[in-house]
Protein backbone atom coordinates (compact mmCIF):
# COMPACT_ATOMS: atom_id res chain seq x y z
CA MET A 1 0.00 0.00 0.00
CA ALA A 2 1.38 3.39 -0.98
CA THR A 3 2.00 5.97 1.73
CA PHE A 4 0.18 9.34 1.50
CA ASN A 5 2.19 12.54 2.08
CA LYS A 6 0.89 16.11 1.73
CA PHE A 7 2.88 19.09 0.53
CA ASN A 8 2.99 21.84 3.18
CA SER A 9 1.96 24.54 0.71
CA PHE A 10 -1.28 22.68 -0.01
CA VAL A 11 -2.81 23.81 3.29
CA GLU A 12 -2.13 27.51 2.69
CA LYS A 13 -3.14 27.41 -0.96
CA LEU A 14 -6.37 25.64 -0.07
CA ALA A 15 -7.20 28.44 2.38
CA GLU A 16 -6.31 31.07 -0.25
CA LYS A 17 -8.58 29.64 -2.99
CA VAL A 18 -5.89 28.27 -5.30
CA TYR A 19 -7.70 24.92 -5.53
CA ASN A 20 -11.24 23.91 -6.35
CA LEU A 21 -10.93 20.21 -5.66
CA GLY A 22 -14.46 19.61 -6.89
CA SER A 23 -13.86 20.80 -10.44
CA ASP A 24 -10.16 21.43 -11.17
CA THR A 25 -8.18 19.01 -13.35
CA LEU A 26 -6.04 16.84 -11.10
CA THR A 27 -3.13 15.09 -12.76
CA VAL A 28 -0.43 12.61 -11.78
CA ALA A 29 3.29 13.25 -12.13
CA LEU A 30 5.75 10.38 -11.77
CA THR A 31 9.22 10.73 -10.31
CA ASN A 32 12.04 8.57 -9.04
CA THR A 33 13.33 11.41 -6.86
CA LEU A 34 11.93 11.69 -3.35
CA PRO A 35 9.67 14.76 -3.10
CA THR A 36 9.91 16.87 0.03
CA SER A 37 7.06 18.45 1.96
CA SER A 38 8.50 21.88 1.09
CA ASN A 39 7.97 21.36 -2.68
CA ALA A 40 5.16 23.66 -3.87
CA ILE A 41 4.80 23.61 -7.68
CA LEU A 42 5.31 21.03 -10.41
CA THR A 43 8.67 22.45 -11.49
CA ASP A 44 9.99 21.52 -8.02
CA ILE A 45 9.60 17.85 -8.99
CA THR A 46 12.02 15.91 -11.21
CA GLN A 47 9.58 14.10 -13.48
CA ILE A 48 10.27 11.06 -15.62
CA SER A 49 9.61 11.15 -19.37
CA TYR A 50 5.99 10.40 -20.26
CA THR A 51 6.50 9.42 -23.90
CA GLY A 52 4.57 6.20 -24.36
CA LEU A 53 2.33 6.53 -21.30
CA SER A 54 -1.45 6.84 -21.27
CA SER A 55 -3.31 9.83 -19.85
CA ARG A 56 -2.36 10.88 -16.33
CA ASN A 57 -5.54 12.89 -15.64
CA ILE A 58 -7.54 11.74 -12.62
CA THR A 59 -11.33 11.54 -12.50
CA ILE A 60 -12.90 13.05 -9.40
CA THR A 61 -15.60 10.67 -8.12
CA SER A 62 -16.87 12.98 -5.37
CA SER A 63 -15.95 16.12 -3.50
CA THR A 64 -18.33 16.38 -0.58
CA GLN A 65 -18.77 17.55 2.99
CA THR A 66 -20.76 15.75 5.68
CA SER A 67 -21.10 17.05 9.25
CA GLY A 68 -18.15 19.38 8.75
CA THR A 69 -15.77 16.81 7.29
CA TYR A 70 -14.73 17.19 3.63
CA LYS A 71 -13.73 14.11 1.62
CA LEU A 72 -12.15 13.93 -1.84
CA VAL A 73 -12.68 10.60 -3.61
CA LEU A 74 -10.80 9.84 -6.83
CA GLN A 75 -11.42 7.10 -9.37
CA ASP A 76 -8.60 4.56 -9.68
CA LEU A 77 -6.27 5.43 -12.55
CA THR A 78 -4.67 2.76 -14.72
CA LEU A 79 -1.50 3.84 -16.51
CA THR A 80 -0.68 1.88 -19.66
CA ALA A 81 2.77 1.82 -21.29
CA SER A 82 3.17 1.77 -25.06
CA GLY A 83 6.95 1.75 -24.74
CA THR A 84 9.52 1.49 -21.97
CA ILE A 85 8.82 3.99 -19.19
CA PRO A 86 11.66 5.27 -16.99
CA THR A 87 11.70 3.89 -13.45
CA PHE A 88 9.59 5.73 -10.88
CA ARG A 89 8.72 5.24 -7.23
CA TYR A 90 6.71 8.32 -6.29
CA ILE A 91 3.30 9.43 -7.58
CA VAL A 92 2.59 13.15 -7.22
CA ILE A 93 -0.90 14.64 -7.54
CA TYR A 94 -1.02 18.24 -8.70
CA ASP A 95 -3.69 20.72 -9.77
CA ASP A 96 -3.26 21.17 -13.52
CA THR A 97 -5.88 23.95 -13.54
CA ALA A 98 -3.88 26.11 -11.13
CA THR A 99 -1.55 28.58 -12.86
CA ASN A 100 1.62 27.09 -11.37
CA ASP A 101 0.53 23.43 -11.39
CA ASP A 102 0.39 23.53 -7.59
CA LEU A 103 1.20 20.32 -5.73
CA ILE A 104 -1.28 18.56 -3.46
CA CYS A 105 0.26 15.29 -2.25
CA TRP A 106 2.50 12.39 -3.14
CA PHE A 107 2.51 8.65 -2.58
CA ASP A 108 5.58 6.52 -1.90
CA TYR A 109 5.24 3.06 -3.43
CA GLY A 110 8.16 1.74 -1.38
CA SER A 111 10.17 0.40 -4.31
CA ALA A 112 10.96 1.18 -7.93
CA VAL A 113 8.26 0.62 -10.55
CA ASN A 114 9.34 -0.45 -14.02
CA MET A 115 7.04 -0.56 -17.04
CA VAL A 116 7.59 -1.82 -20.56
CA SER A 117 5.23 -1.78 -23.51
CA GLY A 118 1.90 -3.37 -22.64
CA ASP A 119 2.37 -3.11 -18.87
CA THR A 120 -0.28 -1.46 -16.74
CA PHE A 121 0.02 0.13 -13.31
CA THR A 122 -3.10 0.94 -11.33
CA LEU A 123 -3.17 3.80 -8.86
CA ASP A 124 -5.63 2.45 -6.31
CA PHE A 125 -7.24 5.43 -4.60
CA ASP A 126 -9.27 4.62 -1.48
CA ALA A 127 -12.91 4.84 -2.57
CA THR A 128 -14.21 4.54 1.00
CA ASN A 129 -12.03 6.98 2.94
CA GLY A 130 -11.05 9.18 0.00
CA VAL A 131 -7.62 10.43 -0.96
CA LEU A 132 -7.87 13.12 1.67
CA THR A 133 -10.22 14.35 4.33
CA ILE A 134 -10.36 17.73 6.01
CA ALA A 135 -12.15 18.16 9.32
């Protein structure tokens, strides 16, 4: 199971209306370099090359609040390789609608992921508890 980590800037930018998690385009970036909580925008991340990889856009299943607790639920995303993909270990979620491609969180898969043509890799987002909750 991948470990969730939030970027520190996410909290401030959420309070300052940078994100609309209910309607913005959320996208995945892949890296083999450990992100740090102080990273703030996509250019802070060393991405792998995406040539030969399917769409990295994430579908938002729900963005709701119940009794004062907000929950963001994302649909699982299956990445498909049509060529060899550089090794990655970390999955970063960023807001592609935001002007600076602001970072939200990253997941550590614990070991390197290698993909060759025809391979698939499914990002299994928790449909019950959501990717993140704010209370």
